[in-house]
Amino acid sequence: MNKYIQGKQEDFVKVMDFFKKDISSLRTGRANPAMLDGIQVEAYGTRTLLAGVASINVPDARSLVITAWDKNVTKDIEKALVVANLGLNIVNEGDKIRAMISPLTEENRRGLVKRLNEKMEEARISLRQVRDEIKEEIEEVFKNKEISEDDKFRFIKELDEIINDRNNEVKEIRDKKEEEIMTI
């Protein structure tokens, strides 16, 4: 692997990690604490991530139990879950909140797959941006006569192979997630 690609290797990893995290919040019909990632609760006069004020448990495949560490925050957590509009049935049981996951309809599943495809395309765009940065760097050093034309074409070919591999990896992750979404 050439030094131009190695220099941007971390950017490839960031794109892949972001894509994996981004699609983990998509519902699959099964309870998953990742569904609640990013939900912020207005507590103690400041916005705090849900995971910072409560524990999240999965007692069964269709529900999540959120237990506030401070019982005074339970109403704030309930409000944040309702505002998040995740399609969950929220039940405040006093000392804890139960979030019931309704079964996905065929229409909901297709909508989720559509969102999944949009997220995949965003990941591919990010990969193309990293590729373009590397390609510009290679073109620049070629223009400055720091590398030969053969090296330039070899580096660009290697870059294209890596981008194809990353795009295939994104597609495999997407296909696996689609299977989870479409499984009843």
N, C-alpha and C. Protein backbone atom coordinates (compact mmCIF):
# COMPACT_ATOMS: atom_id res chain seq x y z
N MET A 1 0.85 -1.18 0.00
CA MET A 1 0.00 0.00 0.00
C MET A 1 0.90 1.24 0.00
N ASN A 2 0.58 2.18 -0.87
CA ASN A 2 1.43 3.37 -0.98
C ASN A 2 1.17 4.35 0.17
N LYS A 3 2.11 5.28 0.34
CA LYS A 3 2.06 6.18 1.49
C LYS A 3 0.88 7.14 1.44
N TYR A 4 0.36 7.42 0.26
CA TYR A 4 -0.77 8.34 0.14
C TYR A 4 -2.05 7.69 0.67
N ILE A 5 -2.21 6.42 0.40
CA ILE A 5 -3.36 5.68 0.90
C ILE A 5 -3.20 5.44 2.40
N GLN A 6 -1.99 5.08 2.81
CA GLN A 6 -1.74 4.83 4.24
C GLN A 6 -2.03 6.08 5.07
N GLY A 7 -1.70 7.23 4.52
CA GLY A 7 -1.94 8.48 5.24
C GLY A 7 -3.42 8.75 5.49
N LYS A 8 -4.29 8.19 4.67
CA LYS A 8 -5.73 8.40 4.78
C LYS A 8 -6.46 7.15 5.30
N GLN A 9 -5.73 6.15 5.71
CA GLN A 9 -6.32 4.89 6.17
C GLN A 9 -7.29 5.14 7.33
N GLU A 10 -6.93 6.06 8.21
CA GLU A 10 -7.78 6.37 9.35
C GLU A 10 -9.13 6.94 8.89
N ASP A 11 -9.12 7.71 7.81
CA ASP A 11 -10.38 8.27 7.28
C ASP A 11 -11.30 7.16 6.78
N PHE A 12 -10.71 6.13 6.14
CA PHE A 12 -11.52 4.99 5.69
C PHE A 12 -12.17 4.31 6.89
N VAL A 13 -11.39 4.11 7.94
CA VAL A 13 -11.89 3.45 9.15
C VAL A 13 -13.01 4.28 9.77
N LYS A 14 -12.85 5.60 9.81
CA LYS A 14 -13.88 6.48 10.38
C LYS A 14 -15.18 6.37 9.59
N VAL A 15 -15.09 6.34 8.26
CA VAL A 15 -16.29 6.23 7.43
C VAL A 15 -17.01 4.91 7.72
N MET A 16 -16.25 3.83 7.79
CA MET A 16 -16.86 2.51 8.04
C MET A 16 -17.48 2.44 9.44
N ASP A 17 -16.77 2.95 10.44
CA ASP A 17 -17.29 2.94 11.80
C ASP A 17 -18.56 3.77 11.91
N PHE A 18 -18.56 4.95 11.27
CA PHE A 18 -19.74 5.80 11.31
C PHE A 18 -20.93 5.10 10.65
N PHE A 19 -20.70 4.45 9.52
CA PHE A 19 -21.78 3.75 8.82
C PHE A 19 -22.36 2.65 9.71
N LYS A 20 -21.49 1.87 10.32
CA LYS A 20 -21.97 0.79 11.20
C LYS A 20 -22.79 1.34 12.36
N LYS A 21 -22.30 2.40 12.97
CA LYS A 21 -23.01 3.00 14.11
C LYS A 21 -24.32 3.62 13.64
N ASP A 22 -24.29 4.27 12.49
CA ASP A 22 -25.47 4.94 11.96
C ASP A 22 -26.60 3.95 11.69
N ILE A 23 -26.29 2.81 11.11
CA ILE A 23 -27.37 1.86 10.80
C ILE A 23 -27.78 1.03 12.01
N SER A 24 -26.98 1.03 13.07
CA SER A 24 -27.34 0.25 14.25
C SER A 24 -28.59 0.81 14.91
N SER A 25 -28.91 2.09 14.68
CA SER A 25 -30.09 2.69 15.29
C SER A 25 -31.37 2.35 14.52
N LEU A 26 -31.26 1.76 13.34
CA LEU A 26 -32.46 1.38 12.58
C LEU A 26 -33.13 0.19 13.25
N ARG A 27 -34.43 0.26 13.39
CA ARG A 27 -35.19 -0.82 14.02
C ARG A 27 -35.15 -2.08 13.18
N THR A 28 -35.09 -3.20 13.85
CA THR A 28 -35.13 -4.47 13.14
C THR A 28 -36.27 -5.35 13.63
N GLY A 29 -37.11 -4.80 14.50
CA GLY A 29 -38.19 -5.60 15.06
C GLY A 29 -37.77 -6.27 16.36
N ARG A 30 -36.49 -6.19 16.69
CA ARG A 30 -35.97 -6.74 17.94
C ARG A 30 -35.44 -5.59 18.80
N ALA A 31 -35.59 -5.73 20.09
CA ALA A 31 -35.11 -4.70 21.01
C ALA A 31 -33.59 -4.65 20.98
N ASN A 32 -33.08 -3.44 20.95
CA ASN A 32 -31.63 -3.24 20.92
C ASN A 32 -31.34 -1.89 21.59
N PRO A 33 -30.50 -1.86 22.63
CA PRO A 33 -30.21 -0.59 23.30
C PRO A 33 -29.66 0.48 22.35
N ALA A 34 -29.05 0.08 21.26
CA ALA A 34 -28.50 1.04 20.30
C ALA A 34 -29.60 1.90 19.68
N MET A 35 -30.85 1.44 19.74
CA MET A 35 -31.97 2.21 19.22
C MET A 35 -32.10 3.55 19.94
N LEU A 36 -31.63 3.58 21.18
CA LEU A 36 -31.78 4.78 22.01
C LEU A 36 -30.53 5.64 22.03
N ASP A 37 -29.51 5.26 21.26
CA ASP A 37 -28.30 6.06 21.17
C ASP A 37 -28.65 7.43 20.61
N GLY A 38 -28.06 8.44 21.17
CA GLY A 38 -28.27 9.78 20.66
C GLY A 38 -29.46 10.51 21.26
N ILE A 39 -30.29 9.81 22.03
CA ILE A 39 -31.43 10.48 22.66
C ILE A 39 -30.90 11.30 23.83
N GLN A 40 -31.28 12.58 23.85
CA GLN A 40 -30.82 13.47 24.90
C GLN A 40 -31.98 13.81 25.83
N VAL A 41 -31.68 13.79 27.12
CA VAL A 41 -32.67 14.05 28.15
C VAL A 41 -32.36 15.40 28.78
N GLU A 42 -33.39 16.23 28.93
CA GLU A 42 -33.24 17.52 29.61
C GLU A 42 -33.34 17.23 31.11
N ALA A 43 -32.19 17.16 31.78
CA ALA A 43 -32.16 16.84 33.21
C ALA A 43 -31.15 17.73 33.91
N TYR A 44 -31.51 18.17 35.09
CA TYR A 44 -30.62 19.02 35.90
C TYR A 44 -30.25 20.29 35.15
N GLY A 45 -31.13 20.78 34.30
CA GLY A 45 -30.89 22.02 33.58
C GLY A 45 -29.94 21.91 32.41
N THR A 46 -29.62 20.70 32.01
CA THR A 46 -28.72 20.51 30.87
C THR A 46 -29.15 19.29 30.06
N ARG A 47 -28.74 19.24 28.82
CA ARG A 47 -29.08 18.09 27.97
C ARG A 47 -28.00 17.03 28.15
N THR A 48 -28.43 15.82 28.48
CA THR A 48 -27.52 14.72 28.74
C THR A 48 -27.98 13.51 27.93
N LEU A 49 -27.03 12.73 27.43
CA LEU A 49 -27.40 11.50 26.73
C LEU A 49 -28.13 10.57 27.69
N LEU A 50 -29.11 9.85 27.16
CA LEU A 50 -29.91 8.93 27.96
C LEU A 50 -29.02 7.97 28.75
N ALA A 51 -27.99 7.46 28.11
CA ALA A 51 -27.10 6.51 28.78
C ALA A 51 -26.37 7.15 29.96
N GLY A 52 -26.36 8.48 30.03
CA GLY A 52 -25.69 9.17 31.12
C GLY A 52 -26.57 9.35 32.35
N VAL A 53 -27.87 9.09 32.24
CA VAL A 53 -28.78 9.27 33.37
C VAL A 53 -29.56 8.01 33.72
N ALA A 54 -29.39 6.94 32.93
CA ALA A 54 -30.17 5.73 33.17
C ALA A 54 -29.46 4.51 32.61
N SER A 55 -29.90 3.36 33.09
CA SER A 55 -29.42 2.10 32.51
C SER A 55 -30.50 1.57 31.58
N ILE A 56 -30.07 0.88 30.53
CA ILE A 56 -30.99 0.35 29.54
C ILE A 56 -30.82 -1.16 29.50
N ASN A 57 -31.91 -1.89 29.74
CA ASN A 57 -31.87 -3.35 29.73
C ASN A 57 -32.83 -3.89 28.69
N VAL A 58 -32.56 -5.10 28.23
CA VAL A 58 -33.40 -5.77 27.24
C VAL A 58 -33.94 -7.06 27.88
N PRO A 59 -35.14 -6.97 28.51
CA PRO A 59 -35.68 -8.17 29.17
C PRO A 59 -36.20 -9.22 28.19
N ASP A 60 -36.64 -8.78 27.01
CA ASP A 60 -37.09 -9.72 25.99
C ASP A 60 -36.92 -9.07 24.62
N ALA A 61 -37.26 -9.79 23.57
CA ALA A 61 -37.02 -9.32 22.21
C ALA A 61 -37.89 -8.14 21.80
N ARG A 62 -38.94 -7.86 22.54
CA ARG A 62 -39.88 -6.81 22.15
C ARG A 62 -39.92 -5.60 23.10
N SER A 63 -39.03 -5.54 24.08
CA SER A 63 -39.10 -4.38 24.98
C SER A 63 -37.73 -4.00 25.54
N LEU A 64 -37.65 -2.75 25.93
CA LEU A 64 -36.48 -2.19 26.60
C LEU A 64 -36.96 -1.64 27.93
N VAL A 65 -36.15 -1.79 28.96
CA VAL A 65 -36.47 -1.21 30.26
C VAL A 65 -35.40 -0.18 30.59
N ILE A 66 -35.85 1.06 30.81
CA ILE A 66 -34.94 2.15 31.12
C ILE A 66 -35.15 2.49 32.59
N THR A 67 -34.10 2.37 33.38
CA THR A 67 -34.17 2.65 34.81
C THR A 67 -33.29 3.85 35.11
N ALA A 68 -33.91 4.94 35.56
CA ALA A 68 -33.15 6.16 35.88
C ALA A 68 -32.36 5.93 37.16
N TRP A 69 -31.16 6.48 37.19
CA TRP A 69 -30.36 6.37 38.40
C TRP A 69 -30.91 7.27 39.49
N ASP A 70 -31.53 8.37 39.07
CA ASP A 70 -32.21 9.28 39.99
C ASP A 70 -33.68 9.27 39.60
N LYS A 71 -34.54 8.80 40.48
CA LYS A 71 -35.96 8.64 40.16
C LYS A 71 -36.63 9.95 39.76
N ASN A 72 -36.05 11.10 40.15
CA ASN A 72 -36.63 12.39 39.80
C ASN A 72 -36.52 12.68 38.30
N VAL A 73 -35.69 11.95 37.59
CA VAL A 73 -35.45 12.19 36.17
C VAL A 73 -36.36 11.32 35.29
N THR A 74 -37.10 10.41 35.89
CA THR A 74 -37.91 9.45 35.13
C THR A 74 -38.88 10.15 34.17
N LYS A 75 -39.55 11.20 34.63
CA LYS A 75 -40.49 11.94 33.76
C LYS A 75 -39.75 12.59 32.60
N ASP A 76 -38.55 13.12 32.86
CA ASP A 76 -37.76 13.75 31.80
C ASP A 76 -37.35 12.71 30.74
N ILE A 77 -37.02 11.52 31.20
CA ILE A 77 -36.65 10.44 30.27
C ILE A 77 -37.85 10.06 29.42
N GLU A 78 -39.01 9.93 30.06
CA GLU A 78 -40.23 9.59 29.33
C GLU A 78 -40.51 10.64 28.25
N LYS A 79 -40.39 11.91 28.62
CA LYS A 79 -40.62 13.00 27.68
C LYS A 79 -39.65 12.92 26.50
N ALA A 80 -38.36 12.67 26.78
CA ALA A 80 -37.35 12.58 25.72
C ALA A 80 -37.65 11.42 24.77
N LEU A 81 -38.11 10.30 25.31
CA LEU A 81 -38.43 9.14 24.47
C LEU A 81 -39.63 9.43 23.57
N VAL A 82 -40.62 10.13 24.11
CA VAL A 82 -41.80 10.47 23.31
C VAL A 82 -41.42 11.45 22.21
N VAL A 83 -40.62 12.46 22.55
CA VAL A 83 -40.20 13.47 21.57
C VAL A 83 -39.33 12.84 20.47
N ALA A 84 -38.54 11.82 20.83
CA ALA A 84 -37.65 11.17 19.85
C ALA A 84 -38.44 10.49 18.74
N ASN A 85 -39.69 10.13 19.01
CA ASN A 85 -40.58 9.56 18.00
C ASN A 85 -39.95 8.37 17.28
N LEU A 86 -39.56 7.37 18.06
CA LEU A 86 -38.93 6.17 17.49
C LEU A 86 -39.94 5.08 17.16
N GLY A 87 -41.21 5.36 17.36
CA GLY A 87 -42.23 4.35 17.07
C GLY A 87 -42.33 3.33 18.19
N LEU A 88 -41.93 3.72 19.40
CA LEU A 88 -42.00 2.83 20.55
C LEU A 88 -43.22 3.20 21.39
N ASN A 89 -43.82 2.19 22.03
CA ASN A 89 -44.90 2.45 22.98
C ASN A 89 -44.26 2.64 24.34
N ILE A 90 -44.34 3.86 24.89
CA ILE A 90 -43.66 4.21 26.12
C ILE A 90 -44.64 4.07 27.30
N VAL A 91 -44.25 3.30 28.32
CA VAL A 91 -45.07 3.12 29.50
C VAL A 91 -44.23 3.46 30.73
N ASN A 92 -44.68 4.48 31.49
CA ASN A 92 -43.98 4.87 32.71
C ASN A 92 -44.54 4.01 33.84
N GLU A 93 -43.70 3.17 34.42
CA GLU A 93 -44.13 2.28 35.50
C GLU A 93 -43.73 2.83 36.86
N GLY A 94 -43.47 4.13 36.95
CA GLY A 94 -43.11 4.76 38.21
C GLY A 94 -41.61 4.79 38.44
N ASP A 95 -41.04 3.63 38.73
CA ASP A 95 -39.60 3.56 39.01
C ASP A 95 -38.79 3.24 37.76
N LYS A 96 -39.46 2.87 36.69
CA LYS A 96 -38.76 2.56 35.43
C LYS A 96 -39.69 2.82 34.25
N ILE A 97 -39.11 2.87 33.08
CA ILE A 97 -39.89 3.10 31.86
C ILE A 97 -39.71 1.89 30.96
N ARG A 98 -40.83 1.40 30.47
CA ARG A 98 -40.80 0.26 29.55
C ARG A 98 -41.12 0.79 28.16
N ALA A 99 -40.25 0.49 27.20
CA ALA A 99 -40.45 0.89 25.82
C ALA A 99 -40.75 -0.38 25.03
N MET A 100 -42.00 -0.51 24.62
CA MET A 100 -42.43 -1.69 23.89
C MET A 100 -42.26 -1.45 22.39
N ILE A 101 -41.72 -2.44 21.73
CA ILE A 101 -41.49 -2.34 20.29
C ILE A 101 -42.65 -3.03 19.58
N SER A 102 -43.39 -2.24 18.82
CA SER A 102 -44.50 -2.82 18.07
C SER A 102 -43.93 -3.56 16.86
N PRO A 103 -44.59 -4.64 16.48
CA PRO A 103 -44.10 -5.38 15.31
C PRO A 103 -44.10 -4.48 14.07
N LEU A 104 -43.10 -4.65 13.25
CA LEU A 104 -42.99 -3.86 12.03
C LEU A 104 -43.96 -4.38 10.97
N THR A 105 -44.63 -3.45 10.30
CA THR A 105 -45.47 -3.83 9.18
C THR A 105 -44.58 -3.92 7.94
N GLU A 106 -45.13 -4.48 6.90
CA GLU A 106 -44.37 -4.59 5.64
C GLU A 106 -43.99 -3.20 5.13
N GLU A 107 -44.91 -2.25 5.27
CA GLU A 107 -44.65 -0.88 4.82
C GLU A 107 -43.52 -0.25 5.64
N ASN A 108 -43.55 -0.47 6.97
CA ASN A 108 -42.47 0.05 7.83
C ASN A 108 -41.13 -0.56 7.44
N ARG A 109 -41.14 -1.84 7.18
CA ARG A 109 -39.89 -2.53 6.81
C ARG A 109 -39.32 -1.96 5.52
N ARG A 110 -40.17 -1.73 4.55
CA ARG A 110 -39.71 -1.16 3.28
C ARG A 110 -39.17 0.26 3.48
N GLY A 111 -39.82 1.03 4.35
CA GLY A 111 -39.34 2.38 4.66
C GLY A 111 -37.97 2.34 5.32
N LEU A 112 -37.77 1.37 6.21
CA LEU A 112 -36.47 1.22 6.87
C LEU A 112 -35.39 0.83 5.88
N VAL A 113 -35.74 -0.06 4.95
CA VAL A 113 -34.77 -0.46 3.92
C VAL A 113 -34.41 0.74 3.05
N LYS A 114 -35.39 1.57 2.77
CA LYS A 114 -35.13 2.78 1.97
C LYS A 114 -34.15 3.69 2.72
N ARG A 115 -34.38 3.89 4.03
CA ARG A 115 -33.45 4.70 4.84
C ARG A 115 -32.08 4.05 4.90
N LEU A 116 -32.04 2.72 4.98
CA LEU A 116 -30.77 1.99 4.99
C LEU A 116 -30.01 2.25 3.71
N ASN A 117 -30.71 2.23 2.58
CA ASN A 117 -30.06 2.50 1.30
C ASN A 117 -29.53 3.93 1.23
N GLU A 118 -30.27 4.88 1.81
CA GLU A 118 -29.80 6.26 1.84
C GLU A 118 -28.52 6.37 2.66
N LYS A 119 -28.48 5.68 3.80
CA LYS A 119 -27.29 5.70 4.66
C LYS A 119 -26.10 5.04 3.95
N MET A 120 -26.37 3.98 3.17
CA MET A 120 -25.31 3.33 2.42
C MET A 120 -24.75 4.29 1.38
N GLU A 121 -25.63 5.02 0.71
CA GLU A 121 -25.17 5.97 -0.30
C GLU A 121 -24.35 7.09 0.33
N GLU A 122 -24.73 7.53 1.52
CA GLU A 122 -23.95 8.54 2.23
C GLU A 122 -22.54 8.01 2.54
N ALA A 123 -22.46 6.76 2.95
CA ALA A 123 -21.15 6.15 3.24
C ALA A 123 -20.31 6.07 1.96
N ARG A 124 -20.93 5.71 0.87
CA ARG A 124 -20.20 5.63 -0.40
C ARG A 124 -19.70 7.01 -0.84
N ILE A 125 -20.52 8.03 -0.63
CA ILE A 125 -20.12 9.40 -0.96
C ILE A 125 -18.91 9.80 -0.11
N SER A 126 -18.94 9.46 1.16
CA SER A 126 -17.80 9.76 2.05
C SER A 126 -16.54 9.05 1.58
N LEU A 127 -16.69 7.80 1.15
CA LEU A 127 -15.53 7.06 0.64
C LEU A 127 -14.99 7.73 -0.63
N ARG A 128 -15.90 8.18 -1.49
CA ARG A 128 -15.46 8.87 -2.72
C ARG A 128 -14.72 10.16 -2.39
N GLN A 129 -15.17 10.87 -1.35
CA GLN A 129 -14.49 12.10 -0.96
C GLN A 129 -13.06 11.81 -0.50
N VAL A 130 -12.89 10.75 0.27
CA VAL A 130 -11.55 10.37 0.72
C VAL A 130 -10.71 9.98 -0.49
N ARG A 131 -11.32 9.22 -1.41
CA ARG A 131 -10.61 8.83 -2.63
C ARG A 131 -10.16 10.05 -3.42
N ASP A 132 -11.06 11.03 -3.56
CA ASP A 132 -10.72 12.24 -4.31
C ASP A 132 -9.57 13.01 -3.67
N GLU A 133 -9.55 13.05 -2.33
CA GLU A 133 -8.45 13.73 -1.63
C GLU A 133 -7.12 13.03 -1.93
N ILE A 134 -7.13 11.70 -1.88
CA ILE A 134 -5.90 10.95 -2.15
C ILE A 134 -5.48 11.14 -3.60
N LYS A 135 -6.45 11.07 -4.50
CA LYS A 135 -6.17 11.22 -5.93
C LYS A 135 -5.56 12.59 -6.23
N GLU A 136 -6.12 13.64 -5.59
CA GLU A 136 -5.57 14.98 -5.78
C GLU A 136 -4.13 15.07 -5.29
N GLU A 137 -3.87 14.42 -4.16
CA GLU A 137 -2.52 14.41 -3.61
C GLU A 137 -1.55 13.71 -4.57
N ILE A 138 -1.98 12.59 -5.14
CA ILE A 138 -1.14 11.87 -6.10
C ILE A 138 -0.90 12.73 -7.34
N GLU A 139 -1.97 13.36 -7.85
CA GLU A 139 -1.84 14.23 -9.02
C GLU A 139 -0.88 15.39 -8.74
N GLU A 140 -0.95 15.94 -7.54
CA GLU A 140 -0.11 17.06 -7.16
C GLU A 140 1.38 16.67 -7.15
N VAL A 141 1.69 15.52 -6.53
CA VAL A 141 3.10 15.10 -6.49
C VAL A 141 3.60 14.71 -7.88
N PHE A 142 2.70 14.21 -8.73
CA PHE A 142 3.09 13.91 -10.10
C PHE A 142 3.39 15.21 -10.85
N LYS A 143 2.53 16.20 -10.66
CA LYS A 143 2.71 17.49 -11.32
C LYS A 143 4.03 18.14 -10.89
N ASN A 144 4.40 17.92 -9.63
CA ASN A 144 5.68 18.46 -9.11
C ASN A 144 6.87 17.57 -9.45
N LYS A 145 6.61 16.54 -10.26
CA LYS A 145 7.64 15.60 -10.74
C LYS A 145 8.35 14.86 -9.61
N GLU A 146 7.58 14.58 -8.52
CA GLU A 146 8.13 13.81 -7.41
C GLU A 146 7.95 12.30 -7.64
N ILE A 147 6.99 11.94 -8.50
CA ILE A 147 6.79 10.54 -8.86
C ILE A 147 6.65 10.44 -10.38
N SER A 148 6.89 9.25 -10.90
CA SER A 148 6.79 9.05 -12.34
C SER A 148 5.34 8.82 -12.74
N GLU A 149 5.09 8.86 -14.04
CA GLU A 149 3.73 8.62 -14.54
C GLU A 149 3.30 7.19 -14.25
N ASP A 150 4.24 6.24 -14.36
CA ASP A 150 3.94 4.85 -14.04
C ASP A 150 3.50 4.71 -12.58
N ASP A 151 4.23 5.39 -11.68
CA ASP A 151 3.87 5.35 -10.26
C ASP A 151 2.49 5.95 -10.03
N LYS A 152 2.22 7.05 -10.71
CA LYS A 152 0.93 7.72 -10.58
C LYS A 152 -0.20 6.75 -10.93
N PHE A 153 -0.08 6.10 -12.09
CA PHE A 153 -1.14 5.18 -12.51
C PHE A 153 -1.22 3.95 -11.61
N ARG A 154 -0.09 3.49 -11.13
CA ARG A 154 -0.07 2.34 -10.21
C ARG A 154 -0.77 2.71 -8.90
N PHE A 155 -0.47 3.91 -8.36
CA PHE A 155 -1.07 4.36 -7.11
C PHE A 155 -2.58 4.54 -7.27
N ILE A 156 -2.99 5.10 -8.40
CA ILE A 156 -4.42 5.33 -8.63
C ILE A 156 -5.15 3.99 -8.81
N LYS A 157 -4.51 3.04 -9.47
CA LYS A 157 -5.12 1.72 -9.62
C LYS A 157 -5.28 1.05 -8.26
N GLU A 158 -4.24 1.15 -7.43
CA GLU A 158 -4.30 0.59 -6.08
C GLU A 158 -5.41 1.27 -5.26
N LEU A 159 -5.54 2.57 -5.41
CA LEU A 159 -6.58 3.33 -4.72
C LEU A 159 -7.97 2.86 -5.15
N ASP A 160 -8.16 2.68 -6.45
CA ASP A 160 -9.46 2.22 -6.95
C ASP A 160 -9.80 0.82 -6.43
N GLU A 161 -8.80 -0.05 -6.33
CA GLU A 161 -9.03 -1.39 -5.80
C GLU A 161 -9.48 -1.33 -4.33
N ILE A 162 -8.84 -0.46 -3.57
CA ILE A 162 -9.20 -0.32 -2.15
C ILE A 162 -10.61 0.25 -2.02
N ILE A 163 -10.94 1.23 -2.84
CA ILE A 163 -12.29 1.82 -2.80
C ILE A 163 -13.33 0.77 -3.17
N ASN A 164 -13.04 -0.06 -4.18
CA ASN A 164 -13.97 -1.13 -4.55
C ASN A 164 -14.16 -2.10 -3.39
N ASP A 165 -13.07 -2.44 -2.70
CA ASP A 165 -13.17 -3.34 -1.54
C ASP A 165 -14.04 -2.72 -0.44
N ARG A 166 -13.82 -1.44 -0.17
CA ARG A 166 -14.60 -0.75 0.87
C ARG A 166 -16.07 -0.65 0.47
N ASN A 167 -16.35 -0.36 -0.79
CA ASN A 167 -17.74 -0.31 -1.26
C ASN A 167 -18.42 -1.67 -1.13
N ASN A 168 -17.68 -2.73 -1.43
CA ASN A 168 -18.22 -4.08 -1.28
C ASN A 168 -18.50 -4.39 0.19
N GLU A 169 -17.61 -3.93 1.07
CA GLU A 169 -17.80 -4.13 2.51
C GLU A 169 -19.06 -3.39 2.99
N VAL A 170 -19.25 -2.16 2.52
CA VAL A 170 -20.44 -1.39 2.87
C VAL A 170 -21.68 -2.13 2.39
N LYS A 171 -21.64 -2.66 1.17
CA LYS A 171 -22.79 -3.39 0.62
C LYS A 171 -23.09 -4.65 1.43
N GLU A 172 -22.04 -5.37 1.85
CA GLU A 172 -22.25 -6.57 2.66
C GLU A 172 -22.91 -6.23 4.00
N ILE A 173 -22.45 -5.15 4.63
CA ILE A 173 -23.03 -4.72 5.90
C ILE A 173 -24.49 -4.33 5.69
N ARG A 174 -24.75 -3.62 4.59
CA ARG A 174 -26.11 -3.20 4.27
C ARG A 174 -27.01 -4.41 4.01
N ASP A 175 -26.51 -5.38 3.26
CA ASP A 175 -27.31 -6.57 2.96
C ASP A 175 -27.66 -7.34 4.23
N LYS A 176 -26.72 -7.43 5.14
CA LYS A 176 -26.95 -8.13 6.41
C LYS A 176 -28.02 -7.39 7.22
N LYS A 177 -27.94 -6.07 7.25
CA LYS A 177 -28.92 -5.27 8.00
C LYS A 177 -30.29 -5.38 7.34
N GLU A 178 -30.34 -5.38 6.00
CA GLU A 178 -31.63 -5.52 5.32
C GLU A 178 -32.26 -6.86 5.67
N GLU A 179 -31.46 -7.90 5.73
CA GLU A 179 -31.99 -9.22 6.10
C GLU A 179 -32.57 -9.18 7.51
N GLU A 180 -31.90 -8.49 8.45
CA GLU A 180 -32.42 -8.35 9.81
C GLU A 180 -33.75 -7.60 9.81
N ILE A 181 -33.83 -6.55 9.02
CA ILE A 181 -35.04 -5.73 8.97
C ILE A 181 -36.20 -6.52 8.37
N MET A 182 -35.95 -7.25 7.32
CA MET A 182 -37.02 -7.95 6.61
C MET A 182 -37.43 -9.26 7.26
N THR A 183 -36.62 -9.77 8.21
CA THR A 183 -36.98 -11.01 8.90
C THR A 183 -38.08 -10.74 9.90
N ILE A 184 -39.13 -11.54 9.80
CA ILE A 184 -40.29 -11.33 10.68
C ILE A 184 -40.11 -12.11 11.96
